[in-house]
Structure formats: structure tokens, C-alpha cells
Amino acid sequence: MKINIELDCSPEEFKELFIPSDKQTEFTTEFYNAMQKSFVKQYLDMGKNFMNQFEEKAK
């Protein structure tokens, strides 16, 4: 199978679409940091809930 795609855009538009810019890098970094923070919070919350089960049973 062969697929041909023709793009009608200026060099600046092509650059914005396919070459990471500072804004894209900044967005990716912020997104990664937010996801990491969220995963850590979820993991810690799961651990607390798990431990609370044993504390309640021990009472």
C-alpha cells in the first residue's frame, strides 16, 4: 500500500506543525509534571486507604 499526502503550507506553518517549538516543549514539560504529581498522589492515597483497612480491623 502506498499513501501520498500533499501539504499546502508555508515553511513557517510546516515548522509549527512538525518541529517542536519552545511552547510545545513547555507544554509537554508542564503536562508531564502534572501527570507525575497526579500519579504520586493517587499512589499515596491508595497506600493510605490500604493501611486504613488494617487499622480499622485491628480496633
PDB file of N, CA and C in Angstrom:
ATOM      1  N   MET A   1       0.857  -1.164   0.000  1.00  0.00           N
ATOM      2  CA  MET A   1       0.000   0.000   0.000  1.00  0.00           C
ATOM      3  C   MET A   1       0.904   1.227   0.000  1.00  0.00           C
ATOM      4  N   LYS A   2       0.517   2.187  -0.772  1.00  0.00           N
ATOM      5  CA  LYS A   2       1.276   3.421  -0.857  1.00  0.00           C
ATOM      6  C   LYS A   2       0.327   4.583  -0.648  1.00  0.00           C
ATOM      7  N   ILE A   3       0.682   5.497   0.239  1.00  0.00           N
ATOM      8  CA  ILE A   3      -0.152   6.659   0.530  1.00  0.00           C
ATOM      9  C   ILE A   3       0.674   7.906   0.278  1.00  0.00           C
ATOM     10  N   ASN A   4       0.123   8.800  -0.495  1.00  0.00           N
ATOM     11  CA  ASN A   4       0.767  10.087  -0.747  1.00  0.00           C
ATOM     12  C   ASN A   4      -0.063  11.181  -0.108  1.00  0.00           C
ATOM     13  N   ILE A   5       0.619  12.076   0.588  1.00  0.00           N
ATOM     14  CA  ILE A   5      -0.057  13.206   1.218  1.00  0.00           C
ATOM     15  C   ILE A   5       0.611  14.478   0.721  1.00  0.00           C
ATOM     16  N   GLU A   6      -0.200  15.385   0.268  1.00  0.00           N
ATOM     17  CA  GLU A   6       0.321  16.660  -0.195  1.00  0.00           C
ATOM     18  C   GLU A   6      -0.076  17.746   0.788  1.00  0.00           C
ATOM     19  N   LEU A   7       0.925  18.468   1.284  1.00  0.00           N
ATOM     20  CA  LEU A   7       0.678  19.549   2.231  1.00  0.00           C
ATOM     21  C   LEU A   7       0.856  20.884   1.519  1.00  0.00           C
ATOM     22  N   ASP A   8      -0.138  21.723   1.678  1.00  0.00           N
ATOM     23  CA  ASP A   8      -0.068  23.059   1.103  1.00  0.00           C
ATOM     24  C   ASP A   8       0.072  24.050   2.247  1.00  0.00           C
ATOM     25  N   CYS A   9       1.332  24.347   2.594  1.00  0.00           N
ATOM     26  CA  CYS A   9       1.568  25.268   3.701  1.00  0.00           C
ATOM     27  C   CYS A   9       2.910  25.968   3.494  1.00  0.00           C
ATOM     28  N   SER A  10       3.057  27.053   4.201  1.00  0.00           N
ATOM     29  CA  SER A  10       4.311  27.801   4.125  1.00  0.00           C
ATOM     30  C   SER A  10       5.368  27.101   4.985  1.00  0.00           C
ATOM     31  N   PRO A  11       6.620  27.435   4.796  1.00  0.00           N
ATOM     32  CA  PRO A  11       7.659  26.836   5.650  1.00  0.00           C
ATOM     33  C   PRO A  11       7.436  27.114   7.140  1.00  0.00           C
ATOM     34  N   GLU A  12       6.903  28.297   7.456  1.00  0.00           N
ATOM     35  CA  GLU A  12       6.632  28.628   8.862  1.00  0.00           C
ATOM     36  C   GLU A  12       5.519  27.750   9.423  1.00  0.00           C
ATOM     37  N   GLU A  13       4.465  27.539   8.623  1.00  0.00           N
ATOM     38  CA  GLU A  13       3.359  26.673   9.063  1.00  0.00           C
ATOM     39  C   GLU A  13       3.833  25.240   9.232  1.00  0.00           C
ATOM     40  N   PHE A  14       4.689  24.773   8.321  1.00  0.00           N
ATOM     41  CA  PHE A  14       5.233  23.419   8.433  1.00  0.00           C
ATOM     42  C   PHE A  14       6.037  23.275   9.719  1.00  0.00           C
ATOM     43  N   LYS A  15       6.840  24.295   9.996  1.00  0.00           N
ATOM     44  CA  LYS A  15       7.656  24.269  11.210  1.00  0.00           C
ATOM     45  C   LYS A  15       6.786  24.194  12.453  1.00  0.00           C
ATOM     46  N   GLU A  16       5.706  24.981  12.487  1.00  0.00           N
ATOM     47  CA  GLU A  16       4.805  24.954  13.637  1.00  0.00           C
ATOM     48  C   GLU A  16       4.147  23.593  13.823  1.00  0.00           C
ATOM     49  N   LEU A  17       3.850  22.910  12.705  1.00  0.00           N
ATOM     50  CA  LEU A  17       3.179  21.611  12.788  1.00  0.00           C
ATOM     51  C   LEU A  17       4.107  20.475  13.200  1.00  0.00           C
ATOM     52  N   PHE A  18       5.321  20.465  12.683  1.00  0.00           N
ATOM     53  CA  PHE A  18       6.152  19.272  12.808  1.00  0.00           C
ATOM     54  C   PHE A  18       7.447  19.423  13.586  1.00  0.00           C
ATOM     55  N   ILE A  19       7.853  20.631  13.875  1.00  0.00           N
ATOM     56  CA  ILE A  19       9.099  20.821  14.617  1.00  0.00           C
ATOM     57  C   ILE A  19       8.756  21.405  15.983  1.00  0.00           C
ATOM     58  N   PRO A  20       9.127  20.718  17.056  1.00  0.00           N
ATOM     59  CA  PRO A  20       8.784  21.216  18.400  1.00  0.00           C
ATOM     60  C   PRO A  20       9.332  22.618  18.638  1.00  0.00           C
ATOM     61  N   SER A  21       8.480  23.459  19.120  1.00  0.00           N
ATOM     62  CA  SER A  21       8.893  24.825  19.452  1.00  0.00           C
ATOM     63  C   SER A  21       9.043  24.941  20.960  1.00  0.00           C
ATOM     64  N   ASP A  22       9.432  26.116  21.400  1.00  0.00           N
ATOM     65  CA  ASP A  22       9.563  26.338  22.846  1.00  0.00           C
ATOM     66  C   ASP A  22       8.228  26.156  23.556  1.00  0.00           C
ATOM     67  N   LYS A  23       7.138  26.625  22.928  1.00  0.00           N
ATOM     68  CA  LYS A  23       5.815  26.489  23.550  1.00  0.00           C
ATOM     69  C   LYS A  23       5.419  25.026  23.666  1.00  0.00           C
ATOM     70  N   GLN A  24       5.705  24.232  22.627  1.00  0.00           N
ATOM     71  CA  GLN A  24       5.373  22.809  22.688  1.00  0.00           C
ATOM     72  C   GLN A  24       6.201  22.109  23.760  1.00  0.00           C
ATOM     73  N   THR A  25       7.470  22.477  23.851  1.00  0.00           N
ATOM     74  CA  THR A  25       8.333  21.883  24.865  1.00  0.00           C
ATOM     75  C   THR A  25       7.857  22.264  26.253  1.00  0.00           C
ATOM     76  N   GLU A  26       7.482  23.519  26.423  1.00  0.00           N
ATOM     77  CA  GLU A  26       6.981  23.977  27.725  1.00  0.00           C
ATOM     78  C   GLU A  26       5.687  23.250  28.090  1.00  0.00           C
ATOM     79  N   PHE A  27       4.778  23.119  27.123  1.00  0.00           N
ATOM     80  CA  PHE A  27       3.517  22.419  27.376  1.00  0.00           C
ATOM     81  C   PHE A  27       3.778  20.970  27.762  1.00  0.00           C
ATOM     82  N   THR A  28       4.653  20.296  27.012  1.00  0.00           N
ATOM     83  CA  THR A  28       4.956  18.894  27.291  1.00  0.00           C
ATOM     84  C   THR A  28       5.548  18.733  28.685  1.00  0.00           C
ATOM     85  N   THR A  29       6.436  19.639  29.063  1.00  0.00           N
ATOM     86  CA  THR A  29       7.054  19.577  30.385  1.00  0.00           C
ATOM     87  C   THR A  29       6.019  19.778  31.487  1.00  0.00           C
ATOM     88  N   GLU A  30       5.170  20.791  31.322  1.00  0.00           N
ATOM     89  CA  GLU A  30       4.131  21.057  32.322  1.00  0.00           C
ATOM     90  C   GLU A  30       3.145  19.892  32.411  1.00  0.00           C
ATOM     91  N   PHE A  31       2.767  19.333  31.270  1.00  0.00           N
ATOM     92  CA  PHE A  31       1.840  18.200  31.242  1.00  0.00           C
ATOM     93  C   PHE A  31       2.455  16.999  31.951  1.00  0.00           C
ATOM     94  N   TYR A  32       3.719  16.710  31.665  1.00  0.00           N
ATOM     95  CA  TYR A  32       4.406  15.592  32.303  1.00  0.00           C
ATOM     96  C   TYR A  32       4.468  15.781  33.816  1.00  0.00           C
ATOM     97  N   ASN A  33       4.832  16.991  34.252  1.00  0.00           N
ATOM     98  CA  ASN A  33       4.917  17.255  35.685  1.00  0.00           C
ATOM     99  C   ASN A  33       3.564  17.104  36.370  1.00  0.00           C
ATOM    100  N   ALA A  34       2.497  17.575  35.724  1.00  0.00           N
ATOM    101  CA  ALA A  34       1.155  17.446  36.303  1.00  0.00           C
ATOM    102  C   ALA A  34       0.743  15.975  36.386  1.00  0.00           C
ATOM    103  N   MET A  35       1.032  15.210  35.344  1.00  0.00           N
ATOM    104  CA  MET A  35       0.688  13.781  35.367  1.00  0.00           C
ATOM    105  C   MET A  35       1.475  13.053  36.448  1.00  0.00           C
ATOM    106  N   GLN A  36       2.744  13.351  36.553  1.00  0.00           N
ATOM    107  CA  GLN A  36       3.572  12.709  37.568  1.00  0.00           C
ATOM    108  C   GLN A  36       3.056  13.027  38.967  1.00  0.00           C
ATOM    109  N   LYS A  37       2.728  14.281  39.211  1.00  0.00           N
ATOM    110  CA  LYS A  37       2.200  14.689  40.512  1.00  0.00           C
ATOM    111  C   LYS A  37       0.888  13.961  40.819  1.00  0.00           C
ATOM    112  N   SER A  38       0.042  13.836  39.803  1.00  0.00           N
ATOM    113  CA  SER A  38      -1.237  13.150  39.975  1.00  0.00           C
ATOM    114  C   SER A  38      -1.033  11.666  40.298  1.00  0.00           C
ATOM    115  N   PHE A  39      -0.107  11.012  39.575  1.00  0.00           N
ATOM    116  CA  PHE A  39       0.146   9.593  39.829  1.00  0.00           C
ATOM    117  C   PHE A  39       0.694   9.372  41.232  1.00  0.00           C
ATOM    118  N   VAL A  40       1.597  10.247  41.664  1.00  0.00           N
ATOM    119  CA  VAL A  40       2.163  10.112  43.015  1.00  0.00           C
ATOM    120  C   VAL A  40       1.063  10.269  44.056  1.00  0.00           C
ATOM    121  N   LYS A  41       0.188  11.267  43.872  1.00  0.00           N
ATOM    122  CA  LYS A  41      -0.908  11.486  44.813  1.00  0.00           C
ATOM    123  C   LYS A  41      -1.830  10.266  44.862  1.00  0.00           C
ATOM    124  N   GLN A  42      -2.182   9.724  43.696  1.00  0.00           N
ATOM    125  CA  GLN A  42      -3.049   8.546  43.646  1.00  0.00           C
ATOM    126  C   GLN A  42      -2.392   7.353  44.344  1.00  0.00           C
ATOM    127  N   TYR A  43      -1.100   7.167  44.110  1.00  0.00           N
ATOM    128  CA  TYR A  43      -0.375   6.060  44.715  1.00  0.00           C
ATOM    129  C   TYR A  43      -0.351   6.191  46.240  1.00  0.00           C
ATOM    130  N   LEU A  44      -0.074   7.402  46.723  1.00  0.00           N
ATOM    131  CA  LEU A  44      -0.046   7.620  48.177  1.00  0.00           C
ATOM    132  C   LEU A  44      -1.432   7.447  48.787  1.00  0.00           C
ATOM    133  N   ASP A  45      -2.470   7.930  48.095  1.00  0.00           N
ATOM    134  CA  ASP A  45      -3.841   7.754  48.587  1.00  0.00           C
ATOM    135  C   ASP A  45      -4.217   6.277  48.657  1.00  0.00           C
ATOM    136  N   MET A  46      -3.802   5.500  47.656  1.00  0.00           N
ATOM    137  CA  MET A  46      -4.091   4.061  47.676  1.00  0.00           C
ATOM    138  C   MET A  46      -3.409   3.405  48.878  1.00  0.00           C
ATOM    139  N   GLY A  47      -2.166   3.801  49.140  1.00  0.00           N
ATOM    140  CA  GLY A  47      -1.437   3.245  50.273  1.00  0.00           C
ATOM    141  C   GLY A  47      -2.108   3.585  51.592  1.00  0.00           C
ATOM    142  N   LYS A  48      -2.570   4.828  51.726  1.00  0.00           N
ATOM    143  CA  LYS A  48      -3.262   5.234  52.957  1.00  0.00           C
ATOM    144  C   LYS A  48      -4.552   4.442  53.127  1.00  0.00           C
ATOM    145  N   ASN A  49      -5.324   4.291  52.058  1.00  0.00           N
ATOM    146  CA  ASN A  49      -6.575   3.534  52.137  1.00  0.00           C
ATOM    147  C   ASN A  49      -6.318   2.079  52.478  1.00  0.00           C
ATOM    148  N   PHE A  50      -5.264   1.519  51.925  1.00  0.00           N
ATOM    149  CA  PHE A  50      -4.904   0.129  52.206  1.00  0.00           C
ATOM    150  C   PHE A  50      -4.549  -0.042  53.681  1.00  0.00           C
ATOM    151  N   MET A  51      -3.752   0.884  54.205  1.00  0.00           N
ATOM    152  CA  MET A  51      -3.356   0.791  55.611  1.00  0.00           C
ATOM    153  C   MET A  51      -4.540   1.046  56.537  1.00  0.00           C
ATOM    154  N   ASN A  52      -5.451   1.934  56.157  1.00  0.00           N
ATOM    155  CA  ASN A  52      -6.633   2.211  56.980  1.00  0.00           C
ATOM    156  C   ASN A  52      -7.495   0.971  57.153  1.00  0.00           C
ATOM    157  N   GLN A  53      -7.531   0.100  56.159  1.00  0.00           N
ATOM    158  CA  GLN A  53      -8.310  -1.138  56.268  1.00  0.00           C
ATOM    159  C   GLN A  53      -7.801  -1.989  57.433  1.00  0.00           C
ATOM    160  N   PHE A  54      -6.486  -2.092  57.558  1.00  0.00           N
ATOM    161  CA  PHE A  54      -5.911  -2.908  58.628  1.00  0.00           C
ATOM    162  C   PHE A  54      -6.075  -2.250  59.987  1.00  0.00           C
ATOM    163  N   GLU A  55      -5.980  -0.919  60.034  1.00  0.00           N
ATOM    164  CA  GLU A  55      -6.145  -0.223  61.305  1.00  0.00           C
ATOM    165  C   GLU A  55      -7.566  -0.362  61.818  1.00  0.00           C
ATOM    166  N   GLU A  56      -8.556  -0.297  60.920  1.00  0.00           N
ATOM    167  CA  GLU A  56      -9.942  -0.440  61.335  1.00  0.00           C
ATOM    168  C   GLU A  56     -10.233  -1.855  61.824  1.00  0.00           C
ATOM    169  N   LYS A  57      -9.643  -2.863  61.188  1.00  0.00           N
ATOM    170  CA  LYS A  57      -9.858  -4.244  61.604  1.00  0.00           C
ATOM    171  C   LYS A  57      -9.200  -4.537  62.929  1.00  0.00           C
ATOM    172  N   ALA A  58      -8.101  -3.842  63.227  1.00  0.00           N
ATOM    173  CA  ALA A  58      -7.370  -4.065  64.481  1.00  0.00           C
ATOM    174  C   ALA A  58      -8.115  -3.472  65.678  1.00  0.00           C
ATOM    175  N   LYS A  59      -9.034  -2.554  65.442  1.00  0.00           N
ATOM    176  CA  LYS A  59      -9.743  -1.912  66.559  1.00  0.00           C
ATOM    177  C   LYS A  59     -10.782  -2.786  67.140  1.00  0.00           C
TER     178      LYS A  59
END
